[in-house]
Amino acid sequence: MGRLWRRSAARARRRLRPRTEPERPRFLLGTAPFMLLILAMMVIAVSIIVSAIPGRRYEQPKPQPAEVGTAPPGWLTR
């Protein structure tokens, strides 16, 4: 009988203690960090995509005519 009384007393003590967790999770502690992380990853992805788009193309300078009696560049490695 004493063991049963101790169990019920322990249950009663647990009921009297205030809850350590809120009934609803707080937005700033639960969801906001993940939303900020996803937002940061989206910004990084968009910046990579924008930087990968080719920009304006500049005209290549016209090659100078080769001097008479000189070898073209790279002739030794062919």
PDB file of N, CA and C in Angstrom:
ATOM      1  N   MET A   1       0.818  -1.186   0.000  1.00  0.00           N
ATOM      2  CA  MET A   1       0.000   0.000   0.000  1.00  0.00           C
ATOM      3  C   MET A   1       0.868   1.260   0.000  1.00  0.00           C
ATOM      4  N   GLY A   2       2.015   1.179   0.683  1.00  0.00           N
ATOM      5  CA  GLY A   2       2.913   2.332   0.753  1.00  0.00           C
ATOM      6  C   GLY A   2       3.480   2.686  -0.617  1.00  0.00           C
ATOM      7  N   ARG A   3       3.763   1.651  -1.440  1.00  0.00           N
ATOM      8  CA  ARG A   3       4.301   1.886  -2.771  1.00  0.00           C
ATOM      9  C   ARG A   3       3.278   2.612  -3.643  1.00  0.00           C
ATOM     10  N   LEU A   4       2.035   2.238  -3.558  1.00  0.00           N
ATOM     11  CA  LEU A   4       0.965   2.885  -4.319  1.00  0.00           C
ATOM     12  C   LEU A   4       0.823   4.349  -3.904  1.00  0.00           C
ATOM     13  N   TRP A   5       0.941   4.601  -2.598  1.00  0.00           N
ATOM     14  CA  TRP A   5       0.812   5.966  -2.103  1.00  0.00           C
ATOM     15  C   TRP A   5       1.968   6.826  -2.625  1.00  0.00           C
ATOM     16  N   ARG A   6       3.189   6.248  -2.689  1.00  0.00           N
ATOM     17  CA  ARG A   6       4.338   7.008  -3.190  1.00  0.00           C
ATOM     18  C   ARG A   6       4.163   7.351  -4.660  1.00  0.00           C
ATOM     19  N   ARG A   7       3.618   6.415  -5.418  1.00  0.00           N
ATOM     20  CA  ARG A   7       3.384   6.685  -6.848  1.00  0.00           C
ATOM     21  C   ARG A   7       2.382   7.813  -7.032  1.00  0.00           C
ATOM     22  N   SER A   8       1.299   7.770  -6.308  1.00  0.00           N
ATOM     23  CA  SER A   8       0.291   8.818  -6.458  1.00  0.00           C
ATOM     24  C   SER A   8       0.821  10.153  -5.945  1.00  0.00           C
ATOM     25  N   ALA A   9       1.644  10.141  -4.914  1.00  0.00           N
ATOM     26  CA  ALA A   9       2.232  11.382  -4.413  1.00  0.00           C
ATOM     27  C   ALA A   9       3.199  11.960  -5.454  1.00  0.00           C
ATOM     28  N   ALA A  10       3.954  11.104  -6.124  1.00  0.00           N
ATOM     29  CA  ALA A  10       4.880  11.577  -7.158  1.00  0.00           C
ATOM     30  C   ALA A  10       4.109  12.186  -8.327  1.00  0.00           C
ATOM     31  N   ARG A  11       2.986  11.567  -8.695  1.00  0.00           N
ATOM     32  CA  ARG A  11       2.150  12.126  -9.763  1.00  0.00           C
ATOM     33  C   ARG A  11       1.612  13.485  -9.358  1.00  0.00           C
ATOM     34  N   ALA A  12       1.181  13.610  -8.141  1.00  0.00           N
ATOM     35  CA  ALA A  12       0.638  14.882  -7.663  1.00  0.00           C
ATOM     36  C   ALA A  12       1.729  15.950  -7.657  1.00  0.00           C
ATOM     37  N   ARG A  13       2.940  15.608  -7.244  1.00  0.00           N
ATOM     38  CA  ARG A  13       4.036  16.578  -7.255  1.00  0.00           C
ATOM     39  C   ARG A  13       4.371  17.018  -8.674  1.00  0.00           C
ATOM     40  N   ARG A  14       4.338  16.076  -9.614  1.00  0.00           N
ATOM     41  CA  ARG A  14       4.599  16.438 -11.009  1.00  0.00           C
ATOM     42  C   ARG A  14       3.545  17.378 -11.536  1.00  0.00           C
ATOM     43  N   ARG A  15       2.299  17.189 -11.145  1.00  0.00           N
ATOM     44  CA  ARG A  15       1.221  18.067 -11.601  1.00  0.00           C
ATOM     45  C   ARG A  15       1.377  19.472 -11.049  1.00  0.00           C
ATOM     46  N   LEU A  16       1.947  19.620  -9.879  1.00  0.00           N
ATOM     47  CA  LEU A  16       2.067  20.927  -9.255  1.00  0.00           C
ATOM     48  C   LEU A  16       3.206  21.761  -9.840  1.00  0.00           C
ATOM     49  N   ARG A  17       4.211  21.117 -10.405  1.00  0.00           N
ATOM     50  CA  ARG A  17       5.335  21.849 -10.985  1.00  0.00           C
ATOM     51  C   ARG A  17       4.892  22.562 -12.266  1.00  0.00           C
ATOM     52  N   PRO A  18       5.389  23.775 -12.488  1.00  0.00           N
ATOM     53  CA  PRO A  18       5.034  24.466 -13.729  1.00  0.00           C
ATOM     54  C   PRO A  18       5.683  23.780 -14.932  1.00  0.00           C
ATOM     55  N   ARG A  19       5.062  23.950 -16.065  1.00  0.00           N
ATOM     56  CA  ARG A  19       5.584  23.337 -17.288  1.00  0.00           C
ATOM     57  C   ARG A  19       6.882  24.017 -17.694  1.00  0.00           C
ATOM     58  N   THR A  20       7.800  23.239 -18.197  1.00  0.00           N
ATOM     59  CA  THR A  20       9.078  23.802 -18.646  1.00  0.00           C
ATOM     60  C   THR A  20       9.033  24.175 -20.117  1.00  0.00           C
ATOM     61  N   GLU A  21       8.118  23.589 -20.871  1.00  0.00           N
ATOM     62  CA  GLU A  21       7.982  23.900 -22.286  1.00  0.00           C
ATOM     63  C   GLU A  21       6.667  24.622 -22.510  1.00  0.00           C
ATOM     64  N   PRO A  22       6.651  25.589 -23.437  1.00  0.00           N
ATOM     65  CA  PRO A  22       5.378  26.238 -23.741  1.00  0.00           C
ATOM     66  C   PRO A  22       4.451  25.270 -24.484  1.00  0.00           C
ATOM     67  N   GLU A  23       3.166  25.538 -24.420  1.00  0.00           N
ATOM     68  CA  GLU A  23       2.218  24.652 -25.114  1.00  0.00           C
ATOM     69  C   GLU A  23       2.368  24.769 -26.618  1.00  0.00           C
ATOM     70  N   ARG A  24       2.640  25.982 -27.097  1.00  0.00           N
ATOM     71  CA  ARG A  24       2.902  26.193 -28.524  1.00  0.00           C
ATOM     72  C   ARG A  24       4.372  26.558 -28.678  1.00  0.00           C
ATOM     73  N   PRO A  25       5.058  26.036 -29.684  1.00  0.00           N
ATOM     74  CA  PRO A  25       6.451  26.444 -29.879  1.00  0.00           C
ATOM     75  C   PRO A  25       6.521  27.908 -30.312  1.00  0.00           C
ATOM     76  N   ARG A  26       7.532  28.595 -29.854  1.00  0.00           N
ATOM     77  CA  ARG A  26       7.700  30.005 -30.217  1.00  0.00           C
ATOM     78  C   ARG A  26       8.222  30.091 -31.641  1.00  0.00           C
ATOM     79  N   PHE A  27       7.726  31.079 -32.379  1.00  0.00           N
ATOM     80  CA  PHE A  27       8.108  31.233 -33.785  1.00  0.00           C
ATOM     81  C   PHE A  27       9.594  31.556 -33.915  1.00  0.00           C
ATOM     82  N   LEU A  28      10.088  32.472 -33.099  1.00  0.00           N
ATOM     83  CA  LEU A  28      11.478  32.899 -33.236  1.00  0.00           C
ATOM     84  C   LEU A  28      12.461  31.793 -32.873  1.00  0.00           C
ATOM     85  N   LEU A  29      12.081  30.887 -32.017  1.00  0.00           N
ATOM     86  CA  LEU A  29      12.997  29.826 -31.631  1.00  0.00           C
ATOM     87  C   LEU A  29      12.868  28.587 -32.507  1.00  0.00           C
ATOM     88  N   GLY A  30      11.720  28.383 -33.111  1.00  0.00           N
ATOM     89  CA  GLY A  30      11.500  27.155 -33.865  1.00  0.00           C
ATOM     90  C   GLY A  30      11.643  27.296 -35.363  1.00  0.00           C
ATOM     91  N   THR A  31      10.872  28.185 -35.960  1.00  0.00           N
ATOM     92  CA  THR A  31      10.776  28.248 -37.412  1.00  0.00           C
ATOM     93  C   THR A  31      11.676  29.308 -38.026  1.00  0.00           C
ATOM     94  N   ALA A  32      11.869  30.414 -37.346  1.00  0.00           N
ATOM     95  CA  ALA A  32      12.612  31.541 -37.915  1.00  0.00           C
ATOM     96  C   ALA A  32      14.040  31.178 -38.328  1.00  0.00           C
ATOM     97  N   PRO A  33      14.817  30.437 -37.543  1.00  0.00           N
ATOM     98  CA  PRO A  33      16.187  30.127 -38.001  1.00  0.00           C
ATOM     99  C   PRO A  33      16.208  29.333 -39.306  1.00  0.00           C
ATOM    100  N   PHE A  34      15.291  28.412 -39.468  1.00  0.00           N
ATOM    101  CA  PHE A  34      15.259  27.638 -40.711  1.00  0.00           C
ATOM    102  C   PHE A  34      14.827  28.505 -41.886  1.00  0.00           C
ATOM    103  N   MET A  35      13.893  29.413 -41.657  1.00  0.00           N
ATOM    104  CA  MET A  35      13.469  30.311 -42.730  1.00  0.00           C
ATOM    105  C   MET A  35      14.617  31.235 -43.135  1.00  0.00           C
ATOM    106  N   LEU A  36      15.379  31.730 -42.169  1.00  0.00           N
ATOM    107  CA  LEU A  36      16.526  32.581 -42.483  1.00  0.00           C
ATOM    108  C   LEU A  36      17.596  31.802 -43.237  1.00  0.00           C
ATOM    109  N   LEU A  37      17.811  30.562 -42.859  1.00  0.00           N
ATOM    110  CA  LEU A  37      18.789  29.726 -43.556  1.00  0.00           C
ATOM    111  C   LEU A  37      18.364  29.473 -45.001  1.00  0.00           C
ATOM    112  N   ILE A  38      17.106  29.168 -45.213  1.00  0.00           N
ATOM    113  CA  ILE A  38      16.604  28.933 -46.572  1.00  0.00           C
ATOM    114  C   ILE A  38      16.692  30.213 -47.389  1.00  0.00           C
ATOM    115  N   LEU A  39      16.358  31.345 -46.788  1.00  0.00           N
ATOM    116  CA  LEU A  39      16.443  32.635 -47.483  1.00  0.00           C
ATOM    117  C   LEU A  39      17.887  32.940 -47.873  1.00  0.00           C
ATOM    118  N   ALA A  40      18.829  32.697 -46.974  1.00  0.00           N
ATOM    119  CA  ALA A  40      20.241  32.945 -47.284  1.00  0.00           C
ATOM    120  C   ALA A  40      20.714  32.042 -48.423  1.00  0.00           C
ATOM    121  N   MET A  41      20.284  30.778 -48.417  1.00  0.00           N
ATOM    122  CA  MET A  41      20.671  29.868 -49.500  1.00  0.00           C
ATOM    123  C   MET A  41      20.059  30.300 -50.827  1.00  0.00           C
ATOM    124  N   MET A  42      18.841  30.837 -50.795  1.00  0.00           N
ATOM    125  CA  MET A  42      18.216  31.325 -52.021  1.00  0.00           C
ATOM    126  C   MET A  42      18.982  32.530 -52.568  1.00  0.00           C
ATOM    127  N   VAL A  43      19.404  33.434 -51.692  1.00  0.00           N
ATOM    128  CA  VAL A  43      20.166  34.609 -52.128  1.00  0.00           C
ATOM    129  C   VAL A  43      21.483  34.175 -52.750  1.00  0.00           C
ATOM    130  N   ILE A  44      22.156  33.218 -52.135  1.00  0.00           N
ATOM    131  CA  ILE A  44      23.423  32.724 -52.685  1.00  0.00           C
ATOM    132  C   ILE A  44      23.193  32.069 -54.049  1.00  0.00           C
ATOM    133  N   ALA A  45      22.126  31.275 -54.174  1.00  0.00           N
ATOM    134  CA  ALA A  45      21.837  30.612 -55.451  1.00  0.00           C
ATOM    135  C   ALA A  45      21.542  31.629 -56.545  1.00  0.00           C
ATOM    136  N   VAL A  46      20.748  32.649 -56.232  1.00  0.00           N
ATOM    137  CA  VAL A  46      20.416  33.676 -57.240  1.00  0.00           C
ATOM    138  C   VAL A  46      21.668  34.448 -57.628  1.00  0.00           C
ATOM    139  N   SER A  47      22.529  34.761 -56.659  1.00  0.00           N
ATOM    140  CA  SER A  47      23.747  35.506 -56.998  1.00  0.00           C
ATOM    141  C   SER A  47      24.679  34.671 -57.882  1.00  0.00           C
ATOM    142  N   ILE A  48      24.740  33.364 -57.652  1.00  0.00           N
ATOM    143  CA  ILE A  48      25.565  32.504 -58.509  1.00  0.00           C
ATOM    144  C   ILE A  48      24.988  32.444 -59.917  1.00  0.00           C
ATOM    145  N   ILE A  49      23.664  32.335 -60.015  1.00  0.00           N
ATOM    146  CA  ILE A  49      23.028  32.283 -61.335  1.00  0.00           C
ATOM    147  C   ILE A  49      23.243  33.578 -62.094  1.00  0.00           C
ATOM    148  N   VAL A  50      23.087  34.717 -61.410  1.00  0.00           N
ATOM    149  CA  VAL A  50      23.263  36.017 -62.074  1.00  0.00           C
ATOM    150  C   VAL A  50      24.710  36.206 -62.490  1.00  0.00           C
ATOM    151  N   SER A  51      25.653  35.782 -61.657  1.00  0.00           N
ATOM    152  CA  SER A  51      27.060  35.965 -62.019  1.00  0.00           C
ATOM    153  C   SER A  51      27.479  35.017 -63.145  1.00  0.00           C
ATOM    154  N   ALA A  52      26.750  33.943 -63.371  1.00  0.00           N
ATOM    155  CA  ALA A  52      27.111  32.993 -64.429  1.00  0.00           C
ATOM    156  C   ALA A  52      26.596  33.417 -65.795  1.00  0.00           C
ATOM    157  N   ILE A  53      25.681  34.390 -65.842  1.00  0.00           N
ATOM    158  CA  ILE A  53      25.154  34.859 -67.122  1.00  0.00           C
ATOM    159  C   ILE A  53      26.265  35.622 -67.836  1.00  0.00           C
ATOM    160  N   PRO A  54      26.535  35.271 -69.084  1.00  0.00           N
ATOM    161  CA  PRO A  54      27.617  35.967 -69.783  1.00  0.00           C
ATOM    162  C   PRO A  54      27.260  37.435 -69.995  1.00  0.00           C
ATOM    163  N   GLY A  55      28.259  38.266 -69.843  1.00  0.00           N
ATOM    164  CA  GLY A  55      28.051  39.708 -70.001  1.00  0.00           C
ATOM    165  C   GLY A  55      28.259  40.147 -71.438  1.00  0.00           C
ATOM    166  N   ARG A  56      28.571  41.426 -71.584  1.00  0.00           N
ATOM    167  CA  ARG A  56      28.783  41.988 -72.912  1.00  0.00           C
ATOM    168  C   ARG A  56      30.081  41.431 -73.492  1.00  0.00           C
ATOM    169  N   ARG A  57      30.054  41.120 -74.760  1.00  0.00           N
ATOM    170  CA  ARG A  57      31.241  40.569 -75.401  1.00  0.00           C
ATOM    171  C   ARG A  57      31.972  41.693 -76.120  1.00  0.00           C
ATOM    172  N   TYR A  58      33.267  41.731 -75.915  1.00  0.00           N
ATOM    173  CA  TYR A  58      34.086  42.762 -76.540  1.00  0.00           C
ATOM    174  C   TYR A  58      34.690  42.211 -77.810  1.00  0.00           C
ATOM    175  N   GLU A  59      34.905  43.111 -78.745  1.00  0.00           N
ATOM    176  CA  GLU A  59      35.509  42.682 -80.004  1.00  0.00           C
ATOM    177  C   GLU A  59      36.945  42.276 -79.773  1.00  0.00           C
ATOM    178  N   GLN A  60      37.317  41.187 -80.406  1.00  0.00           N
ATOM    179  CA  GLN A  60      38.700  40.736 -80.319  1.00  0.00           C
ATOM    180  C   GLN A  60      39.541  41.617 -81.237  1.00  0.00           C
ATOM    181  N   PRO A  61      40.694  42.015 -80.780  1.00  0.00           N
ATOM    182  CA  PRO A  61      41.541  42.831 -81.667  1.00  0.00           C
ATOM    183  C   PRO A  61      41.966  42.005 -82.889  1.00  0.00           C
ATOM    184  N   LYS A  62      42.037  42.688 -84.022  1.00  0.00           N
ATOM    185  CA  LYS A  62      42.436  41.993 -85.249  1.00  0.00           C
ATOM    186  C   LYS A  62      43.897  41.577 -85.140  1.00  0.00           C
ATOM    187  N   PRO A  63      44.182  40.345 -85.565  1.00  0.00           N
ATOM    188  CA  PRO A  63      45.580  39.904 -85.484  1.00  0.00           C
ATOM    189  C   PRO A  63      46.456  40.721 -86.435  1.00  0.00           C
ATOM    190  N   GLN A  64      47.637  41.021 -85.974  1.00  0.00           N
ATOM    191  CA  GLN A  64      48.575  41.784 -86.796  1.00  0.00           C
ATOM    192  C   GLN A  64      49.113  40.866 -87.895  1.00  0.00           C
ATOM    193  N   PRO A  65      49.300  41.404 -89.063  1.00  0.00           N
ATOM    194  CA  PRO A  65      49.876  40.555 -90.123  1.00  0.00           C
ATOM    195  C   PRO A  65      51.295  40.134 -89.737  1.00  0.00           C
ATOM    196  N   ALA A  66      51.601  38.896 -90.021  1.00  0.00           N
ATOM    197  CA  ALA A  66      52.916  38.365 -89.667  1.00  0.00           C
ATOM    198  C   ALA A  66      53.996  39.015 -90.515  1.00  0.00           C
ATOM    199  N   GLU A  67      55.136  39.257 -89.903  1.00  0.00           N
ATOM    200  CA  GLU A  67      56.260  39.830 -90.640  1.00  0.00           C
ATOM    201  C   GLU A  67      56.846  38.764 -91.563  1.00  0.00           C
ATOM    202  N   VAL A  68      57.375  39.201 -92.605  1.00  0.00           N
ATOM    203  CA  VAL A  68      57.973  38.278 -93.561  1.00  0.00           C
ATOM    204  C   VAL A  68      59.232  37.680 -92.929  1.00  0.00           C
ATOM    205  N   GLY A  69      59.330  36.370 -92.948  1.00  0.00           N
ATOM    206  CA  GLY A  69      60.505  35.681 -92.447  1.00  0.00           C
ATOM    207  C   GLY A  69      60.392  35.300 -90.969  1.00  0.00           C
ATOM    208  N   THR A  70      59.217  35.476 -90.355  1.00  0.00           N
ATOM    209  CA  THR A  70      59.065  35.063 -88.955  1.00  0.00           C
ATOM    210  C   THR A  70      58.094  33.890 -88.894  1.00  0.00           C
ATOM    211  N   ALA A  71      58.312  33.030 -87.929  1.00  0.00           N
ATOM    212  CA  ALA A  71      57.445  31.869 -87.766  1.00  0.00           C
ATOM    213  C   ALA A  71      56.190  32.267 -86.970  1.00  0.00           C
ATOM    214  N   PRO A  72      55.063  31.601 -87.243  1.00  0.00           N
ATOM    215  CA  PRO A  72      53.855  31.911 -86.471  1.00  0.00           C
ATOM    216  C   PRO A  72      54.008  31.442 -85.023  1.00  0.00           C
ATOM    217  N   PRO A  73      53.295  32.060 -84.087  1.00  0.00           N
ATOM    218  CA  PRO A  73      53.419  31.642 -82.686  1.00  0.00           C
ATOM    219  C   PRO A  73      52.990  30.186 -82.528  1.00  0.00           C
ATOM    220  N   GLY A  74      53.737  29.437 -81.744  1.00  0.00           N
ATOM    221  CA  GLY A  74      53.404  28.059 -81.478  1.00  0.00           C
ATOM    222  C   GLY A  74      53.891  27.075 -82.508  1.00  0.00           C
ATOM    223  N   TRP A  75      54.726  27.498 -83.416  1.00  0.00           N
ATOM    224  CA  TRP A  75      55.179  26.591 -84.473  1.00  0.00           C
ATOM    225  C   TRP A  75      56.064  25.495 -83.938  1.00  0.00           C
ATOM    226  N   LEU A  76      56.740  25.733 -82.809  1.00  0.00           N
ATOM    227  CA  LEU A  76      57.659  24.758 -82.280  1.00  0.00           C
ATOM    228  C   LEU A  76      56.920  23.597 -81.615  1.00  0.00           C
ATOM    229  N   THR A  77      55.748  23.838 -81.099  1.00  0.00           N
ATOM    230  CA  THR A  77      55.014  22.801 -80.372  1.00  0.00           C
ATOM    231  C   THR A  77      54.134  21.963 -81.284  1.00  0.00           C
ATOM    232  N   ARG A  78      54.079  22.271 -82.528  1.00  0.00           N
ATOM    233  CA  ARG A  78      53.210  21.486 -83.414  1.00  0.00           C
ATOM    234  C   ARG A  78      53.830  20.197 -83.818  1.00  0.00           C
TER     235      ARG A  78
END
